[in-house]
N, C-alpha and C. Protein backbone atom coordinates (compact mmCIF):
# COMPACT_ATOMS: atom_id res chain seq x y z
N MET A 1 35.28 33.66 -74.73
CA MET A 1 34.14 34.66 -74.66
C MET A 1 33.20 34.54 -75.95
N ALA A 2 34.04 34.30 -77.04
CA ALA A 2 33.26 34.21 -78.36
C ALA A 2 32.34 33.16 -78.39
N ARG A 3 32.81 32.03 -77.90
CA ARG A 3 32.15 30.77 -77.62
C ARG A 3 30.77 31.10 -77.14
N LEU A 4 30.77 31.78 -75.84
CA LEU A 4 29.62 32.12 -74.99
C LEU A 4 28.73 32.92 -75.78
N GLY A 5 29.18 33.84 -76.68
CA GLY A 5 28.12 34.78 -77.18
C GLY A 5 27.63 33.72 -78.45
N LEU A 6 28.22 32.83 -78.92
CA LEU A 6 27.65 32.09 -79.97
C LEU A 6 26.64 30.98 -79.36
N LEU A 7 26.90 30.75 -78.33
CA LEU A 7 26.04 29.61 -77.63
C LEU A 7 24.80 30.41 -77.25
N PHE A 8 24.84 31.69 -76.90
CA PHE A 8 23.67 32.54 -76.36
C PHE A 8 22.87 32.88 -77.70
N ILE A 9 23.44 33.25 -78.82
CA ILE A 9 22.75 33.22 -79.90
C ILE A 9 21.87 31.96 -80.50
N LEU A 10 22.53 30.90 -80.56
CA LEU A 10 21.94 29.58 -80.74
C LEU A 10 20.84 29.40 -79.75
N ALA A 11 21.02 29.60 -78.61
CA ALA A 11 20.03 29.48 -77.69
C ALA A 11 18.79 30.26 -77.97
N LEU A 12 18.94 31.56 -78.31
CA LEU A 12 17.77 32.31 -78.78
C LEU A 12 17.13 31.93 -80.06
N ALA A 13 18.13 31.49 -80.90
CA ALA A 13 17.40 31.12 -82.22
C ALA A 13 16.50 29.72 -81.91
N GLY A 14 16.75 29.13 -80.88
CA GLY A 14 15.84 27.88 -80.70
C GLY A 14 14.56 28.45 -80.02
N CYS A 15 14.37 29.52 -79.60
CA CYS A 15 13.26 29.91 -79.30
C CYS A 15 12.36 30.69 -80.14
N VAL A 16 12.84 30.85 -81.32
CA VAL A 16 12.00 31.53 -82.42
C VAL A 16 11.20 30.46 -82.97
N THR A 17 9.83 30.77 -83.20
CA THR A 17 9.16 29.83 -84.08
C THR A 17 8.72 30.60 -85.26
N SER A 18 8.40 29.78 -86.21
CA SER A 18 8.02 30.52 -87.47
C SER A 18 6.51 29.90 -87.63
N PRO A 19 5.35 30.74 -88.15
CA PRO A 19 4.06 30.21 -88.23
C PRO A 19 4.06 29.10 -89.17
N ASP A 20 3.15 28.13 -89.07
CA ASP A 20 2.96 27.19 -90.03
C ASP A 20 2.46 27.67 -91.16
N GLU A 21 3.00 27.84 -92.28
CA GLU A 21 2.59 28.47 -93.63
C GLU A 21 1.59 27.74 -94.17
N ASN A 22 1.18 26.43 -93.62
CA ASN A 22 0.35 25.70 -94.39
C ASN A 22 -0.96 25.26 -93.42
N ALA A 23 -0.93 26.07 -92.22
CA ALA A 23 -2.03 25.53 -91.37
C ALA A 23 -3.71 25.45 -91.77
N CYS A 24 -3.67 26.44 -92.96
CA CYS A 24 -5.08 26.41 -93.51
C CYS A 24 -5.32 25.30 -94.54
N GLY A 25 -4.26 24.72 -95.22
CA GLY A 25 -4.11 23.68 -96.20
C GLY A 25 -4.09 24.29 -97.55
N ALA A 26 -3.52 25.58 -97.81
CA ALA A 26 -3.50 26.19 -98.96
C ALA A 26 -2.42 25.55 -99.72
N ALA A 27 -1.42 24.90 -99.21
CA ALA A 27 -0.43 24.29 -100.19
C ALA A 27 -1.07 23.16 -101.04
N GLY A 28 -2.09 22.56 -100.60
CA GLY A 28 -2.70 21.46 -101.44
C GLY A 28 -3.71 22.14 -102.32
N MET A 29 -3.98 23.32 -102.39
CA MET A 29 -5.02 23.91 -103.33
C MET A 29 -4.32 24.76 -104.26
N GLN A 30 -3.11 24.86 -104.37
CA GLN A 30 -2.46 25.70 -105.48
C GLN A 30 -2.85 25.52 -106.87
N ASP A 31 -3.30 24.33 -107.26
CA ASP A 31 -3.87 24.01 -108.49
C ASP A 31 -5.35 24.78 -108.92
N LEU A 32 -5.81 25.35 -107.89
CA LEU A 32 -6.71 26.23 -108.21
C LEU A 32 -6.49 27.63 -108.81
N ILE A 33 -5.17 27.79 -108.59
CA ILE A 33 -4.87 29.20 -109.39
C ILE A 33 -5.00 29.11 -110.94
N GLY A 34 -5.51 30.04 -111.31
CA GLY A 34 -5.78 30.28 -112.79
C GLY A 34 -7.16 29.70 -113.19
N GLN A 35 -7.81 29.02 -112.32
CA GLN A 35 -9.43 28.68 -112.64
C GLN A 35 -10.20 29.47 -112.37
N GLU A 36 -11.49 29.37 -112.88
CA GLU A 36 -12.69 30.43 -112.72
C GLU A 36 -13.17 29.88 -111.19
N ASP A 37 -13.67 31.07 -110.61
CA ASP A 37 -14.39 31.14 -109.33
C ASP A 37 -15.40 30.14 -109.18
N ASP A 38 -15.94 29.67 -110.01
CA ASP A 38 -17.14 28.87 -110.03
C ASP A 38 -16.88 27.32 -109.52
N VAL A 39 -15.54 27.02 -109.65
CA VAL A 39 -14.93 25.65 -109.10
C VAL A 39 -15.21 25.70 -107.59
N LEU A 40 -15.16 26.72 -106.98
CA LEU A 40 -15.35 26.83 -105.41
C LEU A 40 -16.58 26.45 -104.99
N ALA A 41 -17.78 26.57 -105.90
CA ALA A 41 -19.03 26.24 -105.34
C ALA A 41 -19.15 24.64 -104.93
N ALA A 42 -18.34 23.96 -105.68
CA ALA A 42 -18.42 22.56 -105.76
C ALA A 42 -17.57 21.93 -104.47
N MET A 43 -16.83 22.86 -103.80
CA MET A 43 -15.70 22.46 -102.86
C MET A 43 -16.33 22.72 -101.63
N THR A 44 -15.74 21.88 -100.61
CA THR A 44 -16.09 22.34 -98.81
C THR A 44 -14.82 22.83 -98.61
N LEU A 45 -14.93 24.02 -98.17
CA LEU A 45 -13.92 24.90 -97.66
C LEU A 45 -14.05 25.18 -96.25
N PRO A 46 -12.81 25.41 -95.52
CA PRO A 46 -13.06 25.73 -94.04
C PRO A 46 -13.92 26.90 -93.81
N GLN A 47 -14.40 26.56 -92.62
CA GLN A 47 -15.47 27.81 -92.11
C GLN A 47 -14.49 29.02 -91.91
N GLY A 48 -14.85 30.16 -92.42
CA GLY A 48 -14.11 31.42 -92.34
C GLY A 48 -13.29 31.67 -93.56
N THR A 49 -13.11 30.89 -94.52
CA THR A 49 -12.42 31.27 -95.74
C THR A 49 -13.00 32.31 -96.21
N ARG A 50 -11.85 33.34 -96.70
CA ARG A 50 -12.13 34.71 -97.16
C ARG A 50 -12.13 34.64 -98.83
N PHE A 51 -13.06 34.89 -99.45
CA PHE A 51 -13.01 35.15 -100.93
C PHE A 51 -12.56 36.73 -101.22
N ILE A 52 -11.51 37.09 -101.75
CA ILE A 52 -10.98 38.42 -101.93
C ILE A 52 -11.05 38.84 -103.19
N TYR A 53 -12.07 39.52 -103.56
CA TYR A 53 -12.27 40.33 -104.84
C TYR A 53 -11.58 41.60 -104.71
N PRO A 54 -11.14 42.34 -106.03
CA PRO A 54 -10.66 43.41 -106.03
C PRO A 54 -11.69 44.46 -105.30
N GLY A 55 -11.21 45.23 -104.45
CA GLY A 55 -11.93 46.12 -103.64
C GLY A 55 -12.88 45.85 -102.24
N THR A 56 -12.50 44.16 -102.09
CA THR A 56 -13.10 43.61 -100.95
C THR A 56 -12.26 44.15 -99.67
N PRO A 57 -12.91 44.69 -98.77
CA PRO A 57 -12.12 45.10 -97.48
C PRO A 57 -12.09 43.95 -96.83
N VAL A 58 -10.72 43.71 -96.31
CA VAL A 58 -10.26 42.69 -95.48
C VAL A 58 -9.67 43.15 -94.04
N THR A 59 -9.59 42.37 -93.02
CA THR A 59 -8.93 42.91 -91.90
C THR A 59 -7.48 42.59 -92.10
N GLU A 60 -6.72 43.20 -91.44
CA GLU A 60 -5.06 42.90 -91.45
C GLU A 60 -4.62 42.03 -90.35
N ASP A 61 -5.66 41.37 -89.42
CA ASP A 61 -5.24 40.44 -88.53
C ASP A 61 -4.69 39.13 -89.20
N TYR A 62 -3.52 38.63 -88.60
CA TYR A 62 -3.15 37.26 -89.03
C TYR A 62 -3.72 36.13 -88.20
N SER A 63 -4.26 35.18 -89.09
CA SER A 63 -4.69 33.88 -88.61
C SER A 63 -4.14 32.77 -89.32
N ALA A 64 -3.21 31.93 -88.88
CA ALA A 64 -2.51 30.95 -89.60
C ALA A 64 -3.50 29.86 -90.29
N SER A 65 -4.66 29.68 -89.46
CA SER A 65 -5.59 28.75 -89.89
C SER A 65 -6.83 29.22 -90.84
N ARG A 66 -6.46 30.69 -91.18
CA ARG A 66 -7.68 31.04 -92.18
C ARG A 66 -7.34 31.01 -93.58
N LEU A 67 -8.09 30.32 -94.44
CA LEU A 67 -7.73 30.37 -95.90
C LEU A 67 -8.30 31.43 -96.56
N ASN A 68 -7.50 32.05 -97.42
CA ASN A 68 -7.50 33.15 -98.11
C ASN A 68 -7.79 32.97 -99.63
N ILE A 69 -8.64 33.25 -100.45
CA ILE A 69 -8.53 32.84 -101.81
C ILE A 69 -8.69 34.41 -102.71
N ASP A 70 -7.81 34.79 -103.30
CA ASP A 70 -7.63 36.04 -104.00
C ASP A 70 -8.30 35.63 -105.53
N ILE A 71 -9.32 36.57 -105.78
CA ILE A 71 -10.04 36.34 -107.18
C ILE A 71 -9.86 37.60 -108.08
N ASP A 72 -9.52 37.64 -109.29
CA ASP A 72 -9.44 39.01 -110.01
C ASP A 72 -10.74 39.44 -110.51
N ARG A 73 -10.74 40.52 -111.36
CA ARG A 73 -12.14 41.10 -111.90
C ARG A 73 -12.65 40.21 -112.82
N SER A 74 -11.96 39.29 -113.54
CA SER A 74 -12.36 38.39 -114.39
C SER A 74 -12.95 37.15 -113.92
N GLY A 75 -13.01 37.00 -112.31
CA GLY A 75 -13.52 35.76 -111.90
C GLY A 75 -12.45 34.64 -111.83
N ARG A 76 -11.02 35.01 -112.07
CA ARG A 76 -10.11 33.90 -111.88
C ARG A 76 -9.31 33.89 -110.85
N ILE A 77 -9.09 32.78 -110.13
CA ILE A 77 -8.50 32.57 -108.83
C ILE A 77 -6.96 33.12 -109.16
N THR A 78 -6.35 33.81 -108.52
CA THR A 78 -4.99 34.33 -108.41
C THR A 78 -4.16 34.10 -107.24
N GLY A 79 -4.76 33.63 -106.34
CA GLY A 79 -3.87 33.26 -105.05
C GLY A 79 -4.72 32.47 -103.98
N VAL A 80 -4.04 31.64 -103.37
CA VAL A 80 -4.58 30.76 -102.33
C VAL A 80 -3.46 30.69 -101.09
N TRP A 81 -3.64 31.15 -99.93
CA TRP A 81 -2.75 31.25 -98.92
C TRP A 81 -3.55 31.44 -97.64
N CYS A 82 -2.72 31.25 -96.61
CA CYS A 82 -3.05 31.19 -95.24
C CYS A 82 -2.94 32.70 -94.66
N GLY A 83 -3.68 32.98 -93.74
CA GLY A 83 -3.25 34.38 -93.09
C GLY A 83 -4.43 34.99 -92.66
């Protein structure tokens, strides 16, 4: 009976999918962190990229293909992520 339960758990685990954490390409842009936001002007970024400054309202919906760039009050990039 224990084997049957283990097989059931393993079968369910195979059904769970995790979102692609790099669907938007953020992993390749981590070198932007710490740079001034003016470097973004020379870049071609995906349509729908969000530039999130302090106080910027953003929706809470998740989109794996959406690039988000966090920028602090001094204009430095503090985060690059998908979501």
